[in-house]
Amino acid sequence: MIAEQEVYKIGTITRTHGVKGEVSLSFTDDVWDRADADYLVLRIDGILVPFFMEEYRFRSDTTALVKFQDYDSADAAKELCGCDVYFPHALTPAPEEEDEYSWRYFTGFRVVDEQAGELGEITYVDDSTQNVLFHVGEHLIPAVESFITHVDHQARVITMQLPEGLLDL
């Protein structure tokens, strides 16, 4: 069984497309394309289930058409509509250059402050505004490069030096 902490949300299946079982995936991260992954994880009835892709093609910067194995008609694919789509942390490629990753790459990383110690895991990255925020437990931590002192991609840990009083807000 796939555990919640092993994956992070990358999008939602919005509707069927055509009659051959394709679905429209509205995504925030095209990591499956960069990782050359064979499958995506969908939440079906509260359970995380891997779905193997036969093919996919991009319609825009935020939409792709995906054909999953064993879904060969619009009626069959209809049951996937509304499902959230996730990607496994284990398959997420480490960036080749520091500038290549998005802030969402850090979902699932543990945050350690040099003064306060371990703060918890980044459960969500809010990049809907100009000021990107890491959701770590009850804390909202600004994702500011100058606060980050070290990133261990292998151990999935970000070490930060947060301004005094920030965690008291």
N, C-alpha and C. Protein backbone atom coordinates (compact mmCIF):
# COMPACT_ATOMS: atom_id res chain seq x y z
N MET A 1 0.84 -1.18 0.00
CA MET A 1 0.00 0.00 0.00
C MET A 1 0.88 1.24 0.00
N ILE A 2 0.48 2.27 -0.72
CA ILE A 2 1.23 3.50 -0.83
C ILE A 2 0.84 4.41 0.33
N ALA A 3 1.84 4.88 1.08
CA ALA A 3 1.58 5.76 2.22
C ALA A 3 1.52 7.22 1.76
N GLU A 4 0.74 8.02 2.46
CA GLU A 4 0.55 9.43 2.15
C GLU A 4 1.87 10.19 2.07
N GLN A 5 2.81 9.91 2.95
CA GLN A 5 4.08 10.64 2.99
C GLN A 5 5.03 10.24 1.85
N GLU A 6 4.69 9.20 1.09
CA GLU A 6 5.52 8.76 -0.02
C GLU A 6 5.24 9.51 -1.32
N VAL A 7 4.16 10.30 -1.35
CA VAL A 7 3.75 10.98 -2.57
C VAL A 7 3.41 12.45 -2.29
N TYR A 8 3.32 13.23 -3.35
CA TYR A 8 2.83 14.59 -3.23
C TYR A 8 1.91 14.89 -4.41
N LYS A 9 0.94 15.77 -4.16
CA LYS A 9 -0.09 16.06 -5.15
C LYS A 9 0.48 16.89 -6.29
N ILE A 10 0.16 16.48 -7.53
CA ILE A 10 0.60 17.24 -8.69
C ILE A 10 -0.57 17.69 -9.56
N GLY A 11 -1.78 17.23 -9.28
CA GLY A 11 -2.90 17.66 -10.12
C GLY A 11 -4.19 16.92 -9.85
N THR A 12 -5.13 17.07 -10.80
CA THR A 12 -6.46 16.47 -10.70
C THR A 12 -6.94 16.05 -12.09
N ILE A 13 -7.60 14.90 -12.15
CA ILE A 13 -8.25 14.48 -13.40
C ILE A 13 -9.55 15.28 -13.49
N THR A 14 -9.69 16.07 -14.56
CA THR A 14 -10.85 16.96 -14.64
C THR A 14 -12.00 16.40 -15.47
N ARG A 15 -11.67 15.67 -16.57
CA ARG A 15 -12.75 15.16 -17.43
C ARG A 15 -12.18 14.13 -18.39
N THR A 16 -13.09 13.46 -19.07
CA THR A 16 -12.65 12.53 -20.11
C THR A 16 -12.38 13.33 -21.38
N HIS A 17 -11.65 12.70 -22.29
CA HIS A 17 -11.36 13.34 -23.58
C HIS A 17 -11.52 12.28 -24.68
N GLY A 18 -12.45 12.50 -25.56
CA GLY A 18 -12.67 11.55 -26.64
C GLY A 18 -13.36 10.29 -26.18
N VAL A 19 -13.28 9.24 -27.01
CA VAL A 19 -14.00 8.00 -26.73
C VAL A 19 -13.08 6.82 -26.45
N LYS A 20 -11.77 7.03 -26.46
CA LYS A 20 -10.83 5.92 -26.31
C LYS A 20 -10.20 5.82 -24.92
N GLY A 21 -10.77 6.52 -23.93
CA GLY A 21 -10.31 6.37 -22.56
C GLY A 21 -9.31 7.40 -22.08
N GLU A 22 -9.05 8.42 -22.87
CA GLU A 22 -8.14 9.47 -22.41
C GLU A 22 -8.84 10.35 -21.39
N VAL A 23 -8.03 10.91 -20.46
CA VAL A 23 -8.55 11.87 -19.48
C VAL A 23 -7.69 13.12 -19.54
N SER A 24 -8.29 14.21 -19.11
CA SER A 24 -7.59 15.49 -19.04
C SER A 24 -7.04 15.66 -17.62
N LEU A 25 -5.74 15.85 -17.54
CA LEU A 25 -5.06 16.04 -16.25
C LEU A 25 -4.67 17.50 -16.12
N SER A 26 -5.25 18.19 -15.15
CA SER A 26 -4.86 19.55 -14.83
C SER A 26 -3.76 19.44 -13.78
N PHE A 27 -2.55 19.91 -14.11
CA PHE A 27 -1.41 19.68 -13.21
C PHE A 27 -0.71 20.97 -12.82
N THR A 28 -0.02 20.90 -11.68
CA THR A 28 0.81 22.01 -11.21
C THR A 28 2.29 21.69 -11.36
N ASP A 29 2.61 20.43 -11.63
CA ASP A 29 4.00 20.00 -11.76
C ASP A 29 4.05 18.87 -12.78
N ASP A 30 4.89 19.03 -13.81
CA ASP A 30 5.00 17.99 -14.85
C ASP A 30 6.16 17.04 -14.57
N VAL A 31 6.38 16.75 -13.31
CA VAL A 31 7.51 15.93 -12.87
C VAL A 31 7.53 14.56 -13.53
N TRP A 32 6.37 13.97 -13.82
CA TRP A 32 6.35 12.64 -14.44
C TRP A 32 7.04 12.64 -15.80
N ASP A 33 7.00 13.77 -16.49
CA ASP A 33 7.66 13.89 -17.79
C ASP A 33 9.17 14.01 -17.61
N ARG A 34 9.61 14.79 -16.65
CA ARG A 34 11.04 14.95 -16.37
C ARG A 34 11.66 13.67 -15.80
N ALA A 35 10.86 12.91 -15.06
CA ALA A 35 11.36 11.68 -14.43
C ALA A 35 11.21 10.47 -15.35
N ASP A 36 10.51 10.65 -16.47
CA ASP A 36 10.25 9.54 -17.39
C ASP A 36 9.58 8.38 -16.65
N ALA A 37 8.54 8.71 -15.89
CA ALA A 37 7.84 7.73 -15.06
C ALA A 37 6.84 6.91 -15.87
N ASP A 38 6.61 5.69 -15.42
CA ASP A 38 5.65 4.79 -16.07
C ASP A 38 4.25 4.92 -15.48
N TYR A 39 4.15 5.48 -14.29
CA TYR A 39 2.85 5.52 -13.62
C TYR A 39 2.67 6.81 -12.82
N LEU A 40 1.40 7.08 -12.52
CA LEU A 40 1.00 8.14 -11.61
C LEU A 40 0.16 7.49 -10.52
N VAL A 41 0.00 8.17 -9.42
CA VAL A 41 -0.78 7.64 -8.30
C VAL A 41 -2.06 8.46 -8.19
N LEU A 42 -3.20 7.77 -8.18
CA LEU A 42 -4.49 8.43 -8.04
C LEU A 42 -5.13 8.03 -6.72
N ARG A 43 -5.86 8.97 -6.13
CA ARG A 43 -6.61 8.66 -4.90
C ARG A 43 -8.00 8.20 -5.33
N ILE A 44 -8.25 6.90 -5.13
CA ILE A 44 -9.54 6.29 -5.47
C ILE A 44 -10.19 5.82 -4.17
N ASP A 45 -11.35 6.36 -3.87
CA ASP A 45 -12.08 5.99 -2.65
C ASP A 45 -11.18 6.09 -1.41
N GLY A 46 -10.34 7.12 -1.35
CA GLY A 46 -9.48 7.35 -0.19
C GLY A 46 -8.19 6.55 -0.17
N ILE A 47 -7.97 5.72 -1.19
CA ILE A 47 -6.77 4.87 -1.24
C ILE A 47 -5.89 5.33 -2.39
N LEU A 48 -4.57 5.38 -2.15
CA LEU A 48 -3.61 5.76 -3.18
C LEU A 48 -3.28 4.53 -4.02
N VAL A 49 -3.56 4.64 -5.33
CA VAL A 49 -3.43 3.50 -6.25
C VAL A 49 -2.57 3.91 -7.44
N PRO A 50 -1.56 3.08 -7.81
CA PRO A 50 -0.78 3.40 -9.01
C PRO A 50 -1.56 3.07 -10.29
N PHE A 51 -1.47 3.97 -11.26
CA PHE A 51 -2.09 3.77 -12.57
C PHE A 51 -0.99 3.91 -13.61
N PHE A 52 -0.80 2.87 -14.42
CA PHE A 52 0.25 2.89 -15.43
C PHE A 52 -0.25 3.59 -16.69
N MET A 53 0.60 4.45 -17.22
CA MET A 53 0.24 5.24 -18.40
C MET A 53 0.65 4.52 -19.68
N GLU A 54 -0.25 4.52 -20.65
CA GLU A 54 0.10 4.02 -21.98
C GLU A 54 0.77 5.14 -22.77
N GLU A 55 0.19 6.33 -22.64
CA GLU A 55 0.75 7.49 -23.34
C GLU A 55 0.17 8.77 -22.74
N TYR A 56 0.80 9.88 -23.06
CA TYR A 56 0.29 11.19 -22.67
C TYR A 56 0.83 12.22 -23.65
N ARG A 57 0.10 13.34 -23.70
CA ARG A 57 0.57 14.45 -24.51
C ARG A 57 0.10 15.74 -23.84
N PHE A 58 0.90 16.76 -23.98
CA PHE A 58 0.59 18.04 -23.35
C PHE A 58 -0.34 18.86 -24.24
N ARG A 59 -1.36 19.46 -23.62
CA ARG A 59 -2.27 20.37 -24.31
C ARG A 59 -1.88 21.82 -24.04
N SER A 60 -1.31 22.08 -22.87
CA SER A 60 -0.88 23.43 -22.49
C SER A 60 0.17 23.28 -21.39
N ASP A 61 0.54 24.39 -20.79
CA ASP A 61 1.51 24.36 -19.70
C ASP A 61 0.93 23.75 -18.42
N THR A 62 -0.38 23.60 -18.36
CA THR A 62 -1.02 23.10 -17.15
C THR A 62 -1.99 21.95 -17.40
N THR A 63 -2.07 21.47 -18.63
CA THR A 63 -3.01 20.40 -18.96
C THR A 63 -2.34 19.36 -19.86
N ALA A 64 -2.60 18.10 -19.55
CA ALA A 64 -2.12 17.00 -20.39
C ALA A 64 -3.26 16.01 -20.59
N LEU A 65 -3.24 15.32 -21.71
CA LEU A 65 -4.17 14.23 -21.96
C LEU A 65 -3.43 12.94 -21.68
N VAL A 66 -4.00 12.10 -20.83
CA VAL A 66 -3.34 10.87 -20.38
C VAL A 66 -4.23 9.68 -20.69
N LYS A 67 -3.60 8.62 -21.18
CA LYS A 67 -4.29 7.35 -21.45
C LYS A 67 -3.69 6.33 -20.50
N PHE A 68 -4.51 5.81 -19.58
CA PHE A 68 -4.06 4.80 -18.62
C PHE A 68 -4.35 3.40 -19.16
N GLN A 69 -3.53 2.44 -18.80
CA GLN A 69 -3.73 1.04 -19.19
C GLN A 69 -5.07 0.56 -18.68
N ASP A 70 -5.73 -0.25 -19.48
CA ASP A 70 -7.00 -0.89 -19.14
C ASP A 70 -8.19 0.06 -19.09
N TYR A 71 -8.01 1.30 -19.50
CA TYR A 71 -9.11 2.25 -19.61
C TYR A 71 -9.24 2.60 -21.08
N ASP A 72 -10.15 1.86 -21.77
CA ASP A 72 -10.22 1.95 -23.22
C ASP A 72 -11.49 2.61 -23.75
N SER A 73 -12.29 3.17 -22.86
CA SER A 73 -13.50 3.86 -23.31
C SER A 73 -13.76 5.06 -22.40
N ALA A 74 -14.56 5.99 -22.92
CA ALA A 74 -14.92 7.16 -22.13
C ALA A 74 -15.69 6.76 -20.87
N ASP A 75 -16.54 5.73 -21.00
CA ASP A 75 -17.31 5.27 -19.83
C ASP A 75 -16.39 4.74 -18.73
N ALA A 76 -15.38 3.97 -19.11
CA ALA A 76 -14.44 3.44 -18.12
C ALA A 76 -13.63 4.58 -17.49
N ALA A 77 -13.19 5.51 -18.32
CA ALA A 77 -12.35 6.61 -17.83
C ALA A 77 -13.13 7.59 -16.97
N LYS A 78 -14.45 7.64 -17.14
CA LYS A 78 -15.29 8.58 -16.39
C LYS A 78 -15.14 8.41 -14.88
N GLU A 79 -14.89 7.18 -14.41
CA GLU A 79 -14.74 6.95 -12.97
C GLU A 79 -13.49 7.61 -12.38
N LEU A 80 -12.56 8.02 -13.24
CA LEU A 80 -11.34 8.68 -12.77
C LEU A 80 -11.51 10.19 -12.61
N CYS A 81 -12.56 10.74 -13.18
CA CYS A 81 -12.78 12.18 -13.12
C CYS A 81 -12.96 12.64 -11.67
N GLY A 82 -12.27 13.71 -11.35
CA GLY A 82 -12.32 14.25 -9.99
C GLY A 82 -11.25 13.68 -9.07
N CYS A 83 -10.53 12.66 -9.51
CA CYS A 83 -9.49 12.07 -8.67
C CYS A 83 -8.26 12.98 -8.60
N ASP A 84 -7.69 13.11 -7.42
CA ASP A 84 -6.43 13.81 -7.26
C ASP A 84 -5.31 12.91 -7.74
N VAL A 85 -4.28 13.52 -8.33
CA VAL A 85 -3.16 12.79 -8.89
C VAL A 85 -1.90 13.14 -8.10
N TYR A 86 -1.11 12.11 -7.80
CA TYR A 86 0.09 12.26 -6.97
C TYR A 86 1.29 11.66 -7.69
N PHE A 87 2.48 12.05 -7.21
CA PHE A 87 3.72 11.50 -7.76
C PHE A 87 4.60 11.06 -6.60
N PRO A 88 5.27 9.91 -6.72
CA PRO A 88 6.12 9.40 -5.64
C PRO A 88 7.40 10.24 -5.46
N HIS A 89 7.69 10.57 -4.21
CA HIS A 89 8.93 11.28 -3.91
C HIS A 89 10.14 10.50 -4.41
N ALA A 90 10.08 9.18 -4.30
CA ALA A 90 11.23 8.34 -4.66
C ALA A 90 11.59 8.45 -6.14
N LEU A 91 10.63 8.79 -6.99
CA LEU A 91 10.90 8.91 -8.43
C LEU A 91 11.22 10.33 -8.86
N THR A 92 11.07 11.29 -7.93
CA THR A 92 11.33 12.69 -8.27
C THR A 92 12.82 12.88 -8.50
N PRO A 93 13.18 13.33 -9.69
CA PRO A 93 14.61 13.51 -9.97
C PRO A 93 15.18 14.70 -9.21
N ALA A 94 16.40 14.53 -8.71
CA ALA A 94 17.09 15.66 -8.09
C ALA A 94 17.47 16.63 -9.20
N PRO A 95 17.40 17.91 -8.94
CA PRO A 95 17.74 18.87 -9.99
C PRO A 95 19.22 18.76 -10.35
N GLU A 96 19.50 18.88 -11.65
CA GLU A 96 20.90 18.83 -12.08
C GLU A 96 21.61 20.12 -11.74
N GLU A 97 20.88 21.22 -11.78
CA GLU A 97 21.43 22.51 -11.42
C GLU A 97 20.51 23.12 -10.38
N GLU A 98 21.07 23.93 -9.50
CA GLU A 98 20.29 24.52 -8.41
C GLU A 98 19.09 25.33 -8.90
N ASP A 99 19.16 25.88 -10.11
CA ASP A 99 18.08 26.74 -10.60
C ASP A 99 16.93 25.96 -11.23
N GLU A 100 17.05 24.64 -11.40
CA GLU A 100 16.09 23.88 -12.18
C GLU A 100 14.81 23.48 -11.46
N TYR A 101 14.80 23.40 -10.16
CA TYR A 101 13.63 22.88 -9.47
C TYR A 101 12.66 23.98 -9.07
N SER A 102 11.40 23.55 -8.91
CA SER A 102 10.39 24.47 -8.41
C SER A 102 10.33 24.30 -6.89
N TRP A 103 9.69 25.22 -6.22
CA TRP A 103 9.56 25.12 -4.76
C TRP A 103 8.78 23.86 -4.37
N ARG A 104 7.87 23.41 -5.23
CA ARG A 104 7.06 22.22 -4.92
C ARG A 104 7.92 20.95 -4.80
N TYR A 105 9.09 20.99 -5.39
CA TYR A 105 10.02 19.86 -5.27
C TYR A 105 10.28 19.51 -3.80
N PHE A 106 10.21 20.51 -2.92
CA PHE A 106 10.55 20.31 -1.52
C PHE A 106 9.41 19.71 -0.69
N THR A 107 8.25 19.48 -1.27
CA THR A 107 7.17 18.83 -0.53
C THR A 107 7.67 17.48 -0.02
N GLY A 108 7.48 17.24 1.27
CA GLY A 108 7.94 15.99 1.87
C GLY A 108 9.31 16.09 2.52
N PHE A 109 10.05 17.17 2.27
CA PHE A 109 11.33 17.36 2.94
C PHE A 109 11.10 17.72 4.40
N ARG A 110 12.00 17.34 5.27
CA ARG A 110 11.97 17.76 6.67
C ARG A 110 12.71 19.09 6.79
N VAL A 111 12.20 19.97 7.65
CA VAL A 111 12.82 21.27 7.87
C VAL A 111 13.47 21.28 9.24
N VAL A 112 14.74 21.68 9.25
CA VAL A 112 15.49 21.82 10.50
C VAL A 112 15.97 23.26 10.59
N ASP A 113 15.61 23.93 11.69
CA ASP A 113 16.11 25.27 11.94
C ASP A 113 17.37 25.16 12.77
N GLU A 114 18.39 25.95 12.46
CA GLU A 114 19.67 25.86 13.17
C GLU A 114 19.53 26.17 14.66
N GLN A 115 18.54 26.98 15.04
CA GLN A 115 18.33 27.32 16.45
C GLN A 115 17.27 26.43 17.12
N ALA A 116 16.12 26.27 16.47
CA ALA A 116 14.98 25.58 17.09
C ALA A 116 15.02 24.06 16.90
N GLY A 117 15.85 23.57 15.98
CA GLY A 117 15.91 22.14 15.72
C GLY A 117 14.89 21.72 14.67
N GLU A 118 14.50 20.44 14.70
CA GLU A 118 13.58 19.91 13.69
C GLU A 118 12.18 20.50 13.88
N LEU A 119 11.63 21.00 12.76
CA LEU A 119 10.30 21.63 12.80
C LEU A 119 9.22 20.73 12.24
N GLY A 120 9.59 19.78 11.39
CA GLY A 120 8.61 18.87 10.80
C GLY A 120 8.79 18.77 9.31
N GLU A 121 7.77 18.22 8.67
CA GLU A 121 7.81 17.95 7.24
C GLU A 121 7.00 18.99 6.47
N ILE A 122 7.48 19.36 5.30
CA ILE A 122 6.75 20.27 4.42
C ILE A 122 5.60 19.47 3.80
N THR A 123 4.38 19.80 4.20
CA THR A 123 3.22 19.07 3.70
C THR A 123 2.62 19.72 2.47
N TYR A 124 2.89 21.01 2.30
CA TYR A 124 2.32 21.74 1.17
C TYR A 124 3.19 22.96 0.89
N VAL A 125 3.34 23.31 -0.37
CA VAL A 125 4.05 24.52 -0.76
C VAL A 125 3.03 25.44 -1.42
N ASP A 126 2.79 26.58 -0.80
CA ASP A 126 1.84 27.56 -1.33
C ASP A 126 2.59 28.55 -2.20
N ASP A 127 2.47 28.38 -3.51
CA ASP A 127 3.15 29.29 -4.44
C ASP A 127 2.12 30.11 -5.23
N SER A 128 0.95 30.29 -4.63
CA SER A 128 -0.11 31.02 -5.32
C SER A 128 0.10 32.54 -5.26
N THR A 129 1.01 33.00 -4.43
CA THR A 129 1.32 34.42 -4.34
C THR A 129 2.81 34.61 -4.60
N GLN A 130 3.24 35.85 -4.61
CA GLN A 130 4.65 36.14 -4.86
C GLN A 130 5.53 35.61 -3.74
N ASN A 131 5.00 35.56 -2.51
CA ASN A 131 5.75 35.05 -1.36
C ASN A 131 5.41 33.58 -1.16
N VAL A 132 6.30 32.70 -1.57
CA VAL A 132 6.09 31.26 -1.47
C VAL A 132 6.23 30.85 0.00
N LEU A 133 5.33 29.98 0.47
CA LEU A 133 5.34 29.53 1.87
C LEU A 133 5.40 28.02 1.95
N PHE A 134 6.23 27.52 2.88
CA PHE A 134 6.24 26.11 3.23
C PHE A 134 5.24 25.91 4.37
N HIS A 135 4.34 24.94 4.25
CA HIS A 135 3.45 24.57 5.36
C HIS A 135 4.16 23.45 6.11
N VAL A 136 4.58 23.75 7.33
CA VAL A 136 5.29 22.78 8.17
C VAL A 136 4.55 22.72 9.50
N GLY A 137 3.75 21.66 9.68
CA GLY A 137 2.94 21.57 10.90
C GLY A 137 2.04 22.78 10.99
N GLU A 138 2.11 23.48 12.11
CA GLU A 138 1.29 24.68 12.31
C GLU A 138 1.99 25.96 11.83
N HIS A 139 3.18 25.82 11.30
CA HIS A 139 3.97 26.98 10.87
C HIS A 139 3.87 27.23 9.37
N LEU A 140 3.86 28.51 9.01
CA LEU A 140 4.02 28.94 7.62
C LEU A 140 5.39 29.59 7.55
N ILE A 141 6.28 28.96 6.79
CA ILE A 141 7.67 29.42 6.73
C ILE A 141 7.95 29.96 5.34
N PRO A 142 8.40 31.20 5.25
CA PRO A 142 8.72 31.75 3.93
C PRO A 142 9.82 30.93 3.24
N ALA A 143 9.59 30.59 1.98
CA ALA A 143 10.57 29.85 1.20
C ALA A 143 11.51 30.88 0.57
N VAL A 144 12.47 31.30 1.37
CA VAL A 144 13.40 32.34 0.95
C VAL A 144 14.79 31.72 0.88
N GLU A 145 15.44 31.85 -0.27
CA GLU A 145 16.75 31.23 -0.46
C GLU A 145 17.76 31.65 0.60
N SER A 146 17.68 32.91 1.04
CA SER A 146 18.66 33.39 2.02
C SER A 146 18.45 32.73 3.40
N PHE A 147 17.27 32.15 3.66
CA PHE A 147 17.03 31.44 4.92
C PHE A 147 17.60 30.02 4.87
N ILE A 148 17.80 29.48 3.67
CA ILE A 148 18.23 28.09 3.51
C ILE A 148 19.76 28.03 3.57
N THR A 149 20.27 27.25 4.52
CA THR A 149 21.73 27.13 4.67
C THR A 149 22.26 25.84 4.05
N HIS A 150 21.41 24.80 3.96
CA HIS A 150 21.86 23.55 3.36
C HIS A 150 20.66 22.72 2.92
N VAL A 151 20.81 22.03 1.80
CA VAL A 151 19.79 21.11 1.31
C VAL A 151 20.44 19.75 1.10
N ASP A 152 19.92 18.73 1.78
CA ASP A 152 20.39 17.36 1.60
C ASP A 152 19.31 16.64 0.80
N HIS A 153 19.52 16.54 -0.53
CA HIS A 153 18.52 15.93 -1.40
C HIS A 153 18.35 14.44 -1.11
N GLN A 154 19.43 13.79 -0.75
CA GLN A 154 19.38 12.34 -0.48
C GLN A 154 18.53 12.05 0.76
N ALA A 155 18.78 12.77 1.85
CA ALA A 155 18.04 12.56 3.10
C ALA A 155 16.73 13.33 3.13
N ARG A 156 16.51 14.21 2.12
CA ARG A 156 15.31 15.04 2.02
C ARG A 156 15.15 15.94 3.25
N VAL A 157 16.21 16.71 3.53
CA VAL A 157 16.24 17.62 4.67
C VAL A 157 16.69 19.00 4.21
N ILE A 158 15.97 20.04 4.64
CA ILE A 158 16.38 21.43 4.41
C ILE A 158 16.78 22.01 5.75
N THR A 159 17.98 22.54 5.83
CA THR A 159 18.43 23.23 7.04
C THR A 159 18.28 24.72 6.78
N MET A 160 17.64 25.41 7.73
CA MET A 160 17.37 26.83 7.56
C MET A 160 17.85 27.61 8.77
N GLN A 161 18.12 28.88 8.55
CA GLN A 161 18.42 29.80 9.64
C GLN A 161 17.33 30.86 9.58
N LEU A 162 16.28 30.64 10.40
CA LEU A 162 15.11 31.51 10.37
C LEU A 162 15.33 32.72 11.27
N PRO A 163 14.77 33.86 10.89
CA PRO A 163 14.89 35.06 11.73
C PRO A 163 14.25 34.82 13.10
N GLU A 164 14.85 35.43 14.09
CA GLU A 164 14.35 35.30 15.46
C GLU A 164 12.90 35.77 15.54
N GLY A 165 12.06 35.01 16.19
CA GLY A 165 10.67 35.36 16.38
C GLY A 165 9.73 34.89 15.27
N LEU A 166 10.26 34.43 14.14
CA LEU A 166 9.40 34.01 13.04
C LEU A 166 8.49 32.84 13.44
N LEU A 167 9.00 31.90 14.21
CA LEU A 167 8.21 30.74 14.61
C LEU A 167 7.16 31.07 15.68
N ASP A 168 7.25 32.28 16.25
CA ASP A 168 6.28 32.69 17.28
C ASP A 168 5.03 33.32 16.68
N LEU A 169 5.07 33.58 15.37
CA LEU A 169 3.93 34.24 14.70
C LEU A 169 2.77 33.30 14.55
